[in-house]
Amino acid sequence: MICNVVCSTCSFAKEKLYNYLVSCDANYINNLKEKIEGGELEVTPYVVSDGERLWNIARGYQNEKGFDITLDKFVSIVGDINEAMGIDTSVLHIGDTIYLPNSIEGIV
């Protein structure tokens, strides 16, 4: 009997945590969108060429800008910015336009 109570309590807690995290993520994405639209966060459009992947684009851009951040974190930021712009970066095609941040201040 104790196990059933604990398991249902655990399930409830996990669901609450999941809903909270989804809500936080949505708030973060909305905040990015507002910053972009308000000019507080400037982005540069980038047109995808043949053979390019998000990781390669991010690595080159990060090196060019000299951002002091891990590549996986920067790729995540680029993905978030594009999600805020309504762009899915999980699959890129030649000619797609994605957006890269001019600065990472206020994002990290």
C-alpha atoms as a PDB file:
ATOM      1  CA  MET A   1       0.000   0.000   0.000  1.00  0.00           C
ATOM      2  CA  ILE A   2       2.814   2.426   0.788  1.00  0.00           C
ATOM      3  CA  CYS A   3       4.383   1.834  -2.644  1.00  0.00           C
ATOM      4  CA  ASN A   4       1.165   2.845  -4.420  1.00  0.00           C
ATOM      5  CA  VAL A   5       0.984   6.062  -2.451  1.00  0.00           C
ATOM      6  CA  VAL A   6       4.646   6.879  -3.063  1.00  0.00           C
ATOM      7  CA  CYS A   7       4.434   6.030  -6.768  1.00  0.00           C
ATOM      8  CA  SER A   8       1.359   8.173  -7.336  1.00  0.00           C
ATOM      9  CA  THR A   9       3.000  11.001  -5.398  1.00  0.00           C
ATOM     10  CA  CYS A  10       6.168  10.564  -7.459  1.00  0.00           C
ATOM     11  CA  SER A  11       4.200  10.583 -10.714  1.00  0.00           C
ATOM     12  CA  PHE A  12       2.376  13.736  -9.660  1.00  0.00           C
ATOM     13  CA  ALA A  13       5.657  15.436  -8.719  1.00  0.00           C
ATOM     14  CA  LYS A  14       7.284  14.418 -12.019  1.00  0.00           C
ATOM     15  CA  GLU A  15       4.333  15.764 -13.989  1.00  0.00           C
ATOM     16  CA  LYS A  16       4.420  19.058 -12.074  1.00  0.00           C
ATOM     17  CA  LEU A  17       8.167  19.372 -12.662  1.00  0.00           C
ATOM     18  CA  TYR A  18       7.769  18.584 -16.371  1.00  0.00           C
ATOM     19  CA  ASN A  19       4.983  21.180 -16.743  1.00  0.00           C
ATOM     20  CA  TYR A  20       7.104  23.744 -14.902  1.00  0.00           C
ATOM     21  CA  LEU A  21      10.116  23.115 -17.153  1.00  0.00           C
ATOM     22  CA  VAL A  22       7.986  23.343 -20.300  1.00  0.00           C
ATOM     23  CA  SER A  23       6.543  26.614 -19.012  1.00  0.00           C
ATOM     24  CA  CYS A  24      10.022  27.996 -18.259  1.00  0.00           C
ATOM     25  CA  ASP A  25      11.225  27.014 -21.735  1.00  0.00           C
ATOM     26  CA  ALA A  26       8.215  28.701 -23.357  1.00  0.00           C
ATOM     27  CA  ASN A  27       8.844  31.852 -21.297  1.00  0.00           C
ATOM     28  CA  TYR A  28      12.516  31.844 -22.324  1.00  0.00           C
ATOM     29  CA  ILE A  29      11.631  31.467 -26.027  1.00  0.00           C
ATOM     30  CA  ASN A  30       8.997  34.221 -25.795  1.00  0.00           C
ATOM     31  CA  ASN A  31      11.516  36.464 -24.039  1.00  0.00           C
ATOM     32  CA  LEU A  32      14.032  35.897 -26.839  1.00  0.00           C
ATOM     33  CA  LYS A  33      11.375  36.725 -29.436  1.00  0.00           C
ATOM     34  CA  GLU A  34      10.529  39.973 -27.640  1.00  0.00           C
ATOM     35  CA  LYS A  35      14.229  40.920 -27.413  1.00  0.00           C
ATOM     36  CA  ILE A  36      14.704  40.277 -31.142  1.00  0.00           C
ATOM     37  CA  GLU A  37      11.565  42.154 -32.156  1.00  0.00           C
ATOM     38  CA  GLY A  38      12.438  45.035 -29.822  1.00  0.00           C
ATOM     39  CA  GLY A  39      15.976  45.329 -31.170  1.00  0.00           C
ATOM     40  CA  GLU A  40      17.526  44.446 -27.826  1.00  0.00           C
ATOM     41  CA  LEU A  41      18.988  41.252 -29.313  1.00  0.00           C
ATOM     42  CA  GLU A  42      20.426  41.737 -32.781  1.00  0.00           C
ATOM     43  CA  VAL A  43      20.683  38.751 -35.085  1.00  0.00           C
ATOM     44  CA  THR A  44      22.318  38.178 -38.441  1.00  0.00           C
ATOM     45  CA  PRO A  45      20.592  36.160 -41.159  1.00  0.00           C
ATOM     46  CA  TYR A  46      22.606  33.275 -42.556  1.00  0.00           C
ATOM     47  CA  VAL A  47      21.729  31.342 -45.708  1.00  0.00           C
ATOM     48  CA  VAL A  48      22.549  27.627 -45.518  1.00  0.00           C
ATOM     49  CA  SER A  49      24.829  26.243 -48.237  1.00  0.00           C
ATOM     50  CA  ASP A  50      25.231  22.697 -49.519  1.00  0.00           C
ATOM     51  CA  GLY A  51      26.586  20.289 -46.906  1.00  0.00           C
ATOM     52  CA  GLU A  52      26.293  22.665 -43.974  1.00  0.00           C
ATOM     53  CA  ARG A  53      24.919  21.557 -40.640  1.00  0.00           C
ATOM     54  CA  LEU A  54      23.948  23.670 -37.652  1.00  0.00           C
ATOM     55  CA  TRP A  55      27.023  22.562 -35.687  1.00  0.00           C
ATOM     56  CA  ASN A  56      29.423  23.563 -38.487  1.00  0.00           C
ATOM     57  CA  ILE A  57      27.703  26.916 -39.004  1.00  0.00           C
ATOM     58  CA  ALA A  58      27.703  27.622 -35.258  1.00  0.00           C
ATOM     59  CA  ARG A  59      31.356  26.604 -34.843  1.00  0.00           C
ATOM     60  CA  GLY A  60      32.515  28.897 -37.657  1.00  0.00           C
ATOM     61  CA  TYR A  61      30.402  31.820 -36.483  1.00  0.00           C
ATOM     62  CA  GLN A  62      31.433  31.340 -32.852  1.00  0.00           C
ATOM     63  CA  ASN A  63      35.104  31.362 -33.846  1.00  0.00           C
ATOM     64  CA  GLU A  64      34.589  34.420 -36.057  1.00  0.00           C
ATOM     65  CA  LYS A  65      32.889  36.365 -33.244  1.00  0.00           C
ATOM     66  CA  GLY A  66      35.184  35.041 -30.509  1.00  0.00           C
ATOM     67  CA  PHE A  67      32.313  34.039 -28.207  1.00  0.00           C
ATOM     68  CA  ASP A  68      33.699  32.532 -24.998  1.00  0.00           C
ATOM     69  CA  ILE A  69      31.146  29.753 -24.593  1.00  0.00           C
ATOM     70  CA  THR A  70      31.093  26.018 -25.231  1.00  0.00           C
ATOM     71  CA  LEU A  71      30.002  24.960 -28.695  1.00  0.00           C
ATOM     72  CA  ASP A  72      27.103  22.849 -27.410  1.00  0.00           C
ATOM     73  CA  LYS A  73      25.752  25.829 -25.439  1.00  0.00           C
ATOM     74  CA  PHE A  74      26.130  28.107 -28.462  1.00  0.00           C
ATOM     75  CA  VAL A  75      24.331  25.612 -30.719  1.00  0.00           C
ATOM     76  CA  SER A  76      21.537  25.511 -28.142  1.00  0.00           C
ATOM     77  CA  ILE A  77      21.300  29.312 -28.144  1.00  0.00           C
ATOM     78  CA  VAL A  78      21.180  29.411 -31.952  1.00  0.00           C
ATOM     79  CA  GLY A  79      18.432  26.776 -31.887  1.00  0.00           C
ATOM     80  CA  ASP A  80      16.478  28.780 -29.307  1.00  0.00           C
ATOM     81  CA  ILE A  81      16.796  32.014 -31.284  1.00  0.00           C
ATOM     82  CA  ASN A  82      15.527  30.309 -34.408  1.00  0.00           C
ATOM     83  CA  GLU A  83      12.693  28.633 -32.507  1.00  0.00           C
ATOM     84  CA  ALA A  84      11.697  32.109 -31.310  1.00  0.00           C
ATOM     85  CA  MET A  85      11.694  33.193 -34.974  1.00  0.00           C
ATOM     86  CA  GLY A  86       9.516  30.196 -35.914  1.00  0.00           C
ATOM     87  CA  ILE A  87      12.331  28.291 -37.631  1.00  0.00           C
ATOM     88  CA  ASP A  88      13.077  24.614 -37.061  1.00  0.00           C
ATOM     89  CA  THR A  89      16.832  24.039 -37.177  1.00  0.00           C
ATOM     90  CA  SER A  90      16.663  20.277 -36.654  1.00  0.00           C
ATOM     91  CA  VAL A  91      16.847  19.752 -40.433  1.00  0.00           C
ATOM     92  CA  LEU A  92      18.448  22.375 -42.637  1.00  0.00           C
ATOM     93  CA  HIS A  93      18.172  22.592 -46.411  1.00  0.00           C
ATOM     94  CA  ILE A  94      20.183  24.511 -48.988  1.00  0.00           C
ATOM     95  CA  GLY A  95      18.842  28.057 -49.140  1.00  0.00           C
ATOM     96  CA  ASP A  96      17.209  28.030 -45.691  1.00  0.00           C
ATOM     97  CA  THR A  97      17.767  31.213 -43.709  1.00  0.00           C
ATOM     98  CA  ILE A  98      18.630  30.899 -40.038  1.00  0.00           C
ATOM     99  CA  TYR A  99      19.566  33.603 -37.565  1.00  0.00           C
ATOM    100  CA  LEU A 100      22.743  33.945 -35.521  1.00  0.00           C
ATOM    101  CA  PRO A 101      23.211  36.290 -32.544  1.00  0.00           C
ATOM    102  CA  ASN A 102      25.494  39.292 -32.911  1.00  0.00           C
ATOM    103  CA  SER A 103      26.206  39.031 -29.183  1.00  0.00           C
ATOM    104  CA  ILE A 104      25.610  36.490 -26.431  1.00  0.00           C
ATOM    105  CA  GLU A 105      25.299  39.081 -23.671  1.00  0.00           C
ATOM    106  CA  GLY A 106      21.974  38.778 -21.911  1.00  0.00           C
ATOM    107  CA  ILE A 107      21.413  35.284 -23.304  1.00  0.00           C
ATOM    108  CA  VAL A 108      23.940  33.220 -21.378  1.00  0.00           C
END
